[in-house]
Amino acid sequence: MTTIPQPPDILSPEFAADPYPAYRILRAHHPLLHHKGTDSYLLSRYEDVERAFREPCSPATTTTGRSNRRTAAVPSPQMSGREHSVRRALVAPAFRGRELREKCLPVIERNARELIDAFRDAEETDLVARFATRFPINVIVDLLGLDRADHDRLHDWYVAVIAFLANLAQDPEVAAAGRRAGEELAAYLLPIIHERRAAPGGDLLSTLCTAEVDGTRMNDQDITAFVSLLLAAGGETTDKAIALVLRNLPAHPDQLAAVRADRSLVPVAFAETLRFTPPVQMIMRQPDADVTVSGGTVPAGATVTCLIGAANRDESHYARPDAFDIFRTDLTPANAFSAAADHVAFALGRHFCVGALLAKAEVETGVNQLLDAFPAMDFADGTAPAETGVFTRGPARLRARLTSGEEARGRAGTA
């Protein structure tokens, strides 16, 4: 007689250390599971997560079964359906097409270059602390038209807000620091918002201050909340995505060599990283009606936790799902950054991430500039760093041993 394994706890230390064995158990034996700790239904199979993202539903308003921890001082990244549509309509044009090429790309390239210049001559550095965690925040700050001298201050607020949103243990010091950061960010933004209303420019913050959707403008609180969302959602996911690409490629030296030789493989490596180690591991939804999925029925209004990390390694959808392989044939790089993607790291359909192309541009630019600057780059201690996190996941540190272009040329000249 076959024994069915006990359902894993997604809030356990074992899960946080390595969620992928738990995902296999959930897919095989508990495709629909009510999880008491989050008071939500877990979906782990690709077909069910894909359906949850493609069909109409509302974003959930909490991340745990406890009372909602978020306050006005630290706005939730979740919104009502109409709010979500309005905000997407406001910012989507800035993150695609001509606007992306002409306005965003120069900002992205400059910020990548400036950060790399700060450690270009180092023999070893932490690519998370010195590059990945700062790069997307600096880009967002510049796109908003905020003072570049405030990069460090805004980065510190971002770190505190992210820690607040991920505070599953309810640590009171983390909660207090997050609320304080939210209050300080709002106090910093309000006078700038008033200036932009009076004299708008060509920056993204001016767009938020002056744009109308259905005859309605965003008020001051709406704008500060949305800037907090941009910093949290745009920063956290992209910084982990960059770190994960920089972790996955050196962990597979043959694939890193292939990417160095053919830079058209950089977006392919990013797409496979999104599938293999998605920076966002789970997203909550709420169905408007009862929905039948693998394993049973989710009642209308219940919170559904879509396990992206589990779906992206579903053996019924991918061959060798636990292998990082930029040459796999069951992932289409051309569609990987669109609503038709055959992975669910950016969600799908109408819920597809509005910043996906911005993230792609940041990752491609950052990785290419790092490969240009350092012809040799590997782990300082010889091993790939562990990932950390539950809702979002990536390496906390990435100590890399670096060989600069000048050093490599010098060695070649003395050979």
Protein backbone atom coordinates (compact mmCIF):
# COMPACT_ATOMS: atom_id res chain seq x y z
CA MET A 1 0.00 0.00 0.00
CA THR A 2 1.34 3.41 -1.02
CA THR A 3 1.73 5.94 1.77
CA ILE A 4 0.86 9.51 0.84
CA PRO A 5 3.41 11.96 2.27
CA GLN A 6 2.17 14.51 4.77
CA PRO A 7 1.52 17.93 3.19
CA PRO A 8 4.50 20.26 3.67
CA ASP A 9 4.22 23.57 5.52
CA ILE A 10 5.24 26.51 3.31
CA LEU A 11 6.04 28.56 6.43
CA SER A 12 8.42 25.98 7.90
CA PRO A 13 12.21 26.43 8.16
CA GLU A 14 12.67 23.35 5.96
CA PHE A 15 10.60 24.92 3.20
CA ALA A 16 12.50 28.21 3.46
CA ALA A 17 15.80 26.35 3.15
CA ASP A 18 14.73 24.49 -0.01
CA PRO A 19 11.12 24.63 -1.26
CA TYR A 20 11.57 22.40 -4.31
CA PRO A 21 11.19 18.98 -2.58
CA ALA A 22 8.00 20.32 -0.96
CA TYR A 23 6.74 21.47 -4.35
CA ARG A 24 7.20 17.94 -5.74
CA ILE A 25 5.10 16.49 -2.90
CA LEU A 26 2.39 19.09 -3.39
CA ARG A 27 2.18 18.55 -7.16
CA ALA A 28 2.07 14.75 -6.84
CA HIS A 29 -0.16 14.28 -3.80
CA HIS A 30 -1.78 17.59 -2.72
CA PRO A 31 -2.46 19.64 -5.88
CA LEU A 32 -5.14 21.57 -3.98
CA LEU A 33 -4.34 22.06 -0.32
CA HIS A 34 -5.86 24.37 2.26
CA HIS A 35 -2.93 25.74 4.24
CA LYS A 36 -3.92 26.86 7.73
CA GLY A 37 -0.94 29.15 8.29
CA THR A 38 -1.89 31.41 5.39
CA ASP A 39 -5.61 30.51 5.35
CA SER A 40 -5.27 29.95 1.63
CA TYR A 41 -5.60 27.21 -0.98
CA LEU A 42 -2.26 26.19 -2.48
CA LEU A 43 -2.08 25.51 -6.22
CA SER A 44 1.11 23.79 -7.38
CA ARG A 45 0.48 22.29 -10.84
CA TYR A 46 1.28 24.32 -13.94
CA GLU A 47 -2.17 23.96 -15.51
CA ASP A 48 -3.91 25.22 -12.36
CA VAL A 49 -1.57 28.15 -11.73
CA GLU A 50 -1.76 29.13 -15.40
CA ARG A 51 -5.56 29.10 -15.22
CA ALA A 52 -5.58 31.18 -12.02
CA PHE A 53 -3.52 33.87 -13.73
CA ARG A 54 -5.46 33.86 -17.00
CA GLU A 55 -9.01 33.92 -15.58
CA PRO A 56 -10.62 37.00 -13.97
CA CYS A 57 -10.05 37.26 -10.24
CA SER A 58 -9.01 39.76 -7.59
CA PRO A 59 -5.65 40.14 -5.87
CA ALA A 60 -5.66 38.97 -2.27
CA THR A 61 -5.22 41.65 0.36
CA THR A 62 -3.20 39.75 2.94
CA THR A 63 -0.21 37.45 2.89
CA THR A 64 -0.97 35.44 6.02
CA GLY A 65 -3.96 34.11 7.90
CA ARG A 66 -3.26 36.63 10.64
CA SER A 67 -4.79 40.09 10.66
CA ASN A 68 -3.63 42.36 7.87
CA ARG A 69 -0.25 43.73 8.94
CA ARG A 70 -0.07 46.51 6.42
CA THR A 71 -0.84 50.11 7.21
CA ALA A 72 -1.23 53.27 5.19
CA ALA A 73 2.39 54.07 6.08
CA VAL A 74 3.58 50.97 4.21
CA PRO A 75 1.13 50.46 1.33
CA SER A 76 0.28 46.98 0.21
CA PRO A 77 1.45 46.00 -3.26
CA GLN A 78 -2.06 44.56 -3.76
CA MET A 79 -4.95 46.63 -5.16
CA SER A 80 -8.53 46.27 -6.25
CA GLY A 81 -9.18 45.23 -9.84
CA ARG A 82 -10.06 48.76 -10.96
CA GLU A 83 -7.11 50.32 -9.11
CA HIS A 84 -4.82 47.78 -10.73
CA SER A 85 -6.13 48.57 -14.21
CA VAL A 86 -5.85 52.32 -13.67
CA ARG A 87 -2.27 52.13 -12.42
CA ARG A 88 -1.27 49.81 -15.26
CA ALA A 89 -2.75 52.27 -17.76
CA LEU A 90 -0.69 55.08 -16.24
CA VAL A 91 2.72 53.43 -16.19
CA ALA A 92 2.57 50.78 -18.93
CA PRO A 93 3.56 53.16 -21.79
CA ALA A 94 6.73 54.16 -19.91
CA PHE A 95 7.94 50.57 -19.76
CA ARG A 96 7.64 49.46 -23.37
CA GLY A 97 8.34 50.38 -26.99
CA ARG A 98 9.80 53.77 -27.86
CA GLU A 99 9.55 55.13 -24.30
CA LEU A 100 11.56 52.18 -23.00
CA ARG A 101 14.22 52.54 -25.70
CA GLU A 102 14.59 56.31 -25.61
CA LYS A 103 13.96 57.19 -21.96
CA CYS A 104 14.62 54.09 -19.89
CA LEU A 105 17.51 52.41 -21.68
CA PRO A 106 19.99 55.31 -21.32
CA VAL A 107 19.14 55.50 -17.60
CA ILE A 108 19.62 51.74 -17.25
CA GLU A 109 22.95 51.76 -19.09
CA ARG A 110 24.30 54.71 -17.08
CA ASN A 111 23.36 53.22 -13.72
CA ALA A 112 24.86 49.82 -14.57
CA ARG A 113 28.11 51.44 -15.69
CA GLU A 114 28.38 53.67 -12.61
CA LEU A 115 27.84 50.77 -10.20
CA ILE A 116 30.35 48.53 -11.99
CA ASP A 117 32.92 51.36 -12.08
CA ALA A 118 32.89 51.36 -8.27
CA PHE A 119 34.32 47.81 -8.15
CA ARG A 120 35.88 47.47 -11.60
CA ASP A 121 39.37 47.11 -10.11
CA ALA A 122 38.37 44.80 -7.26
CA GLU A 123 39.57 41.21 -7.24
CA GLU A 124 36.51 40.14 -5.26
CA THR A 125 33.13 41.70 -4.43
CA ASP A 126 29.59 40.89 -3.33
CA LEU A 127 27.53 41.26 -6.51
CA VAL A 128 24.29 41.39 -4.51
CA ALA A 129 25.30 44.23 -2.18
CA ARG A 130 27.36 46.18 -4.73
CA PHE A 131 25.21 45.68 -7.81
CA ALA A 132 21.99 43.64 -7.90
CA THR A 133 20.16 45.18 -4.94
CA ARG A 134 21.07 48.76 -5.92
CA PHE A 135 20.76 48.72 -9.69
CA PRO A 136 16.94 48.54 -10.15
CA ILE A 137 16.29 51.00 -7.30
CA ASN A 138 18.68 53.55 -8.78
CA VAL A 139 16.94 53.13 -12.15
CA ILE A 140 13.47 53.70 -10.65
CA VAL A 141 14.69 56.74 -8.68
CA ASP A 142 16.08 58.27 -11.86
CA LEU A 143 12.98 57.47 -13.93
CA LEU A 144 10.84 59.16 -11.27
CA GLY A 145 13.04 62.23 -11.58
CA LEU A 146 14.15 62.18 -7.94
CA ASP A 147 17.49 63.58 -6.76
CA ARG A 148 20.32 61.17 -7.61
CA ALA A 149 22.01 62.21 -4.38
CA ASP A 150 19.18 60.39 -2.60
CA HIS A 151 19.97 56.96 -4.10
CA ASP A 152 21.32 55.64 -0.80
CA ARG A 153 18.45 57.01 1.28
CA LEU A 154 15.80 55.57 -1.04
CA HIS A 155 17.63 52.25 -1.12
CA ASP A 156 17.55 52.12 2.69
CA TRP A 157 13.79 52.81 2.70
CA TYR A 158 13.30 50.13 0.07
CA VAL A 159 15.18 47.55 2.17
CA ALA A 160 13.07 48.38 5.23
CA VAL A 161 9.76 48.23 3.34
CA ILE A 162 10.67 44.89 1.73
CA ALA A 163 11.58 43.46 5.14
CA PHE A 164 8.22 44.69 6.48
CA LEU A 165 6.26 43.03 3.70
CA ALA A 166 8.14 39.74 4.17
CA ASN A 167 7.88 39.79 7.99
CA LEU A 168 6.12 36.44 8.40
CA ALA A 169 7.54 36.03 11.91
CA GLN A 170 5.90 39.30 12.99
CA ASP A 171 9.20 40.65 14.36
CA PRO A 172 8.20 43.92 16.09
CA GLU A 173 11.50 45.65 15.29
CA VAL A 174 11.18 44.82 11.59
CA ALA A 175 7.56 46.01 11.63
CA ALA A 176 8.47 49.28 13.35
CA ALA A 177 11.35 49.92 10.93
CA GLY A 178 9.07 49.28 7.97
CA ARG A 179 6.40 51.67 9.21
CA ARG A 180 9.03 54.30 9.93
CA ALA A 181 10.48 53.90 6.42
CA GLY A 182 7.03 54.28 4.88
CA GLU A 183 6.36 57.45 6.85
CA GLU A 184 9.76 58.91 5.95
CA LEU A 185 9.28 58.06 2.27
CA ALA A 186 5.86 59.76 2.23
CA ALA A 187 7.27 62.86 3.98
CA TYR A 188 10.09 62.98 1.41
CA LEU A 189 7.75 62.62 -1.57
CA LEU A 190 4.91 65.00 -0.66
CA PRO A 191 6.70 68.32 -1.32
CA ILE A 192 8.14 66.90 -4.56
CA ILE A 193 4.66 65.79 -5.64
CA HIS A 194 3.33 69.32 -5.04
CA GLU A 195 6.19 70.77 -7.10
CA ARG A 196 5.51 68.37 -9.99
CA ARG A 197 1.80 69.18 -9.97
CA ALA A 198 2.65 72.87 -10.32
CA ALA A 199 5.46 72.42 -12.85
CA PRO A 200 5.43 68.93 -14.40
CA GLY A 201 8.40 67.63 -16.35
CA GLY A 202 9.08 64.60 -18.51
CA ASP A 203 9.70 62.21 -15.63
CA LEU A 204 7.52 59.35 -14.43
CA LEU A 205 6.52 61.10 -11.19
CA SER A 206 5.16 64.04 -13.22
CA THR A 207 3.16 61.55 -15.26
CA LEU A 208 1.65 60.11 -12.08
CA CYS A 209 0.87 63.63 -10.80
CA THR A 210 -0.86 64.88 -13.93
CA ALA A 211 -2.39 61.87 -15.72
CA GLU A 212 -6.13 61.29 -15.72
CA VAL A 213 -7.94 57.99 -16.09
CA ASP A 214 -11.72 58.14 -16.49
CA GLY A 215 -11.54 61.82 -15.49
CA THR A 216 -9.87 61.04 -12.17
CA ARG A 217 -6.39 62.01 -11.03
CA MET A 218 -4.38 60.24 -8.36
CA ASN A 219 -4.31 62.05 -5.03
CA ASP A 220 -1.17 62.52 -2.92
CA GLN A 221 -1.71 59.30 -0.96
CA ASP A 222 -2.32 57.35 -4.19
CA ILE A 223 0.97 58.59 -5.62
CA THR A 224 3.07 57.91 -2.51
CA ALA A 225 1.51 54.44 -2.31
CA PHE A 226 2.26 53.78 -5.97
CA VAL A 227 5.86 54.97 -5.68
CA SER A 228 6.24 52.59 -2.75
CA LEU A 229 4.80 49.84 -4.97
CA LEU A 230 7.24 50.66 -7.78
CA LEU A 231 10.18 50.51 -5.41
CA ALA A 232 8.99 47.28 -3.77
CA ALA A 233 7.71 45.37 -6.80
CA GLY A 234 10.15 46.73 -9.39
CA GLY A 235 13.15 46.64 -7.08
CA GLU A 236 12.75 43.37 -5.19
CA THR A 237 11.92 41.19 -8.17
CA THR A 238 14.57 42.61 -10.50
CA ASP A 239 17.33 42.65 -7.92
CA LYS A 240 16.74 38.97 -7.18
CA ALA A 241 16.42 38.15 -10.88
CA ILE A 242 19.82 39.69 -11.62
CA ALA A 243 21.41 37.92 -8.64
CA LEU A 244 19.91 34.60 -9.73
CA VAL A 245 21.20 34.91 -13.30
CA LEU A 246 24.65 35.74 -11.88
CA ARG A 247 24.37 32.69 -9.63
CA ASN A 248 22.97 30.19 -12.15
CA LEU A 249 25.42 30.85 -14.97
CA PRO A 250 28.71 30.42 -13.01
CA ALA A 251 27.16 27.33 -11.39
CA HIS A 252 27.04 25.90 -14.95
CA PRO A 253 30.40 26.95 -16.48
CA ASP A 254 29.67 25.45 -19.90
CA GLN A 255 26.51 27.54 -20.19
CA LEU A 256 28.32 30.67 -18.93
CA ALA A 257 30.94 30.11 -21.63
CA ALA A 258 28.22 29.79 -24.25
CA VAL A 259 26.63 33.07 -23.12
CA ARG A 260 29.99 34.85 -23.18
CA ALA A 261 30.54 33.63 -26.73
CA ASP A 262 27.02 34.49 -27.93
CA ARG A 263 25.41 37.42 -26.16
CA SER A 264 22.06 36.74 -27.81
CA LEU A 265 21.84 34.00 -25.16
CA VAL A 266 21.66 36.53 -22.29
CA PRO A 267 17.85 36.89 -22.53
CA VAL A 268 17.61 33.13 -22.95
CA ALA A 269 19.56 32.66 -19.71
CA PHE A 270 17.23 35.14 -18.01
CA ALA A 271 14.15 33.28 -19.28
CA GLU A 272 15.50 29.95 -17.99
CA THR A 273 16.37 31.59 -14.66
CA LEU A 274 12.77 32.82 -14.38
CA ARG A 275 11.60 29.24 -14.88
CA PHE A 276 14.24 27.46 -12.81
CA THR A 277 14.52 29.87 -9.87
CA PRO A 278 11.71 32.47 -10.15
CA PRO A 279 12.42 35.49 -7.92
CA VAL A 280 8.70 35.66 -7.01
CA GLN A 281 7.76 32.22 -5.71
CA MET A 282 4.05 32.77 -5.02
CA ILE A 283 1.22 35.22 -5.73
CA MET A 284 -2.20 35.36 -4.08
CA ARG A 285 -5.48 35.61 -6.01
CA GLN A 286 -9.16 35.49 -5.05
CA PRO A 287 -11.63 33.87 -7.48
CA ASP A 288 -14.93 35.66 -8.02
CA ALA A 289 -16.77 32.32 -8.35
CA ASP A 290 -16.24 28.70 -7.33
CA VAL A 291 -13.44 27.16 -9.41
CA THR A 292 -12.78 23.45 -9.91
CA VAL A 293 -9.09 22.60 -10.23
CA SER A 294 -6.91 19.52 -9.79
CA GLY A 295 -7.88 17.98 -6.48
CA GLY A 296 -11.14 19.79 -5.79
CA THR A 297 -12.95 23.13 -5.77
CA VAL A 298 -11.83 26.55 -4.54
CA PRO A 299 -14.79 28.50 -3.14
CA ALA A 300 -15.54 32.01 -4.38
CA GLY A 301 -13.76 34.71 -2.38
CA ALA A 302 -11.19 32.34 -0.87
CA THR A 303 -7.51 33.23 -1.08
CA VAL A 304 -5.53 31.14 -3.53
CA THR A 305 -1.75 30.97 -3.28
CA CYS A 306 -0.36 30.29 -6.75
CA LEU A 307 2.97 28.54 -6.23
CA ILE A 308 5.00 29.85 -9.16
CA GLY A 309 8.11 27.98 -8.08
CA ALA A 310 6.18 24.70 -8.13
CA ALA A 311 4.42 25.32 -11.45
CA ASN A 312 7.67 26.26 -13.19
CA ARG A 313 9.15 22.85 -12.32
CA ASP A 314 6.10 20.76 -13.16
CA GLU A 315 7.35 17.53 -14.74
CA SER A 316 4.18 17.27 -16.81
CA HIS A 317 5.06 20.57 -18.51
CA TYR A 318 8.86 20.53 -18.73
CA ALA A 319 11.47 17.88 -19.47
CA ARG A 320 14.10 17.61 -16.72
CA PRO A 321 12.47 20.48 -14.79
CA ASP A 322 15.06 20.43 -11.98
CA ALA A 323 17.92 21.10 -14.42
CA PHE A 324 19.06 24.60 -15.40
CA ASP A 325 19.37 24.40 -19.18
CA ILE A 326 19.45 27.47 -21.42
CA PHE A 327 19.21 25.16 -24.43
CA ARG A 328 15.96 23.45 -23.44
CA THR A 329 13.35 23.26 -26.21
CA ASP A 330 10.24 23.48 -24.02
CA LEU A 331 10.73 27.16 -23.15
CA THR A 332 10.33 29.77 -25.88
CA PRO A 333 12.63 32.76 -25.29
CA ALA A 334 10.82 34.86 -27.91
CA ASN A 335 7.62 34.72 -25.82
CA ALA A 336 9.24 34.65 -22.37
CA PHE A 337 8.69 38.35 -21.68
CA SER A 338 5.13 38.59 -22.93
CA ALA A 339 1.67 37.62 -21.72
CA ALA A 340 1.98 34.50 -23.91
CA ALA A 341 5.00 33.17 -21.98
CA ASP A 342 5.29 29.44 -21.35
CA HIS A 343 6.43 30.02 -17.77
CA VAL A 344 4.46 31.76 -15.00
CA ALA A 345 7.19 33.84 -13.31
CA PHE A 346 5.61 37.10 -14.55
CA ALA A 347 2.03 35.77 -14.23
CA LEU A 348 0.03 35.55 -17.49
CA GLY A 349 -2.74 37.16 -19.49
CA ARG A 350 -4.27 40.35 -18.07
CA HIS A 351 -2.29 39.86 -14.87
CA PHE A 352 1.06 39.77 -16.69
CA CYS A 353 3.72 41.93 -15.02
CA VAL A 354 3.65 45.43 -16.50
CA GLY A 355 7.36 45.86 -15.79
CA ALA A 356 8.54 42.67 -17.52
CA LEU A 357 10.22 44.46 -20.43
CA LEU A 358 11.86 46.96 -18.07
CA ALA A 359 13.21 44.03 -16.02
CA LYS A 360 14.43 42.35 -19.22
CA ALA A 361 16.26 45.52 -20.26
CA GLU A 362 17.84 45.85 -16.81
CA VAL A 363 18.96 42.23 -16.62
CA GLU A 364 20.32 42.18 -20.17
CA THR A 365 22.19 45.46 -19.69
CA GLY A 366 23.56 44.55 -16.28
CA VAL A 367 24.70 41.06 -17.26
CA ASN A 368 26.26 42.22 -20.53
CA GLN A 369 28.17 45.04 -18.85
CA LEU A 370 29.44 42.69 -16.14
CA LEU A 371 30.58 40.15 -18.74
CA ASP A 372 32.33 42.94 -20.67
CA ALA A 373 34.05 44.24 -17.54
CA PHE A 374 35.12 40.85 -16.19
CA PRO A 375 36.29 38.19 -18.68
CA ALA A 376 36.49 35.77 -15.75
CA MET A 377 33.95 35.66 -12.94
CA ASP A 378 33.34 32.79 -10.54
CA PHE A 379 32.34 32.12 -6.93
CA ALA A 380 34.91 33.37 -4.42
CA ASP A 381 34.66 30.23 -2.28
CA GLY A 382 34.11 27.86 -5.20
CA THR A 383 30.44 27.11 -4.47
CA ALA A 384 27.15 28.69 -5.52
CA PRO A 385 25.49 30.64 -2.68
CA ALA A 386 22.26 29.36 -1.18
CA GLU A 387 18.95 31.05 -1.91
CA THR A 388 16.87 32.54 0.88
CA GLY A 389 13.28 33.73 1.19
CA VAL A 390 9.76 32.35 0.89
CA PHE A 391 7.52 34.73 -1.10
CA THR A 392 10.51 36.11 -2.97
CA ARG A 393 13.74 34.17 -3.21
CA GLY A 394 17.35 34.70 -4.17
CA PRO A 395 20.89 34.71 -2.79
CA ALA A 396 21.43 37.14 0.10
CA ARG A 397 25.11 37.41 -0.87
CA LEU A 398 27.08 36.53 -3.97
CA ARG A 399 30.82 36.79 -3.34
CA ALA A 400 32.47 36.71 -6.76
CA ARG A 401 36.12 36.48 -7.76
CA LEU A 402 36.66 38.86 -10.67
CA THR A 403 39.20 39.27 -13.42
CA SER A 404 38.93 42.64 -15.15
CA GLY A 405 39.49 43.23 -18.84
CA GLU A 406 42.71 45.14 -18.12
CA GLU A 407 44.02 42.34 -15.88
CA ALA A 408 43.17 39.70 -18.48
CA ARG A 409 44.98 41.67 -21.20
CA GLY A 410 47.99 42.10 -18.90
CA ARG A 411 48.19 38.37 -18.30
CA ALA A 412 47.91 37.67 -22.01
CA GLY A 413 50.73 40.12 -22.70
CA THR A 414 53.12 38.39 -20.29
CA ALA A 415 52.25 34.87 -21.37
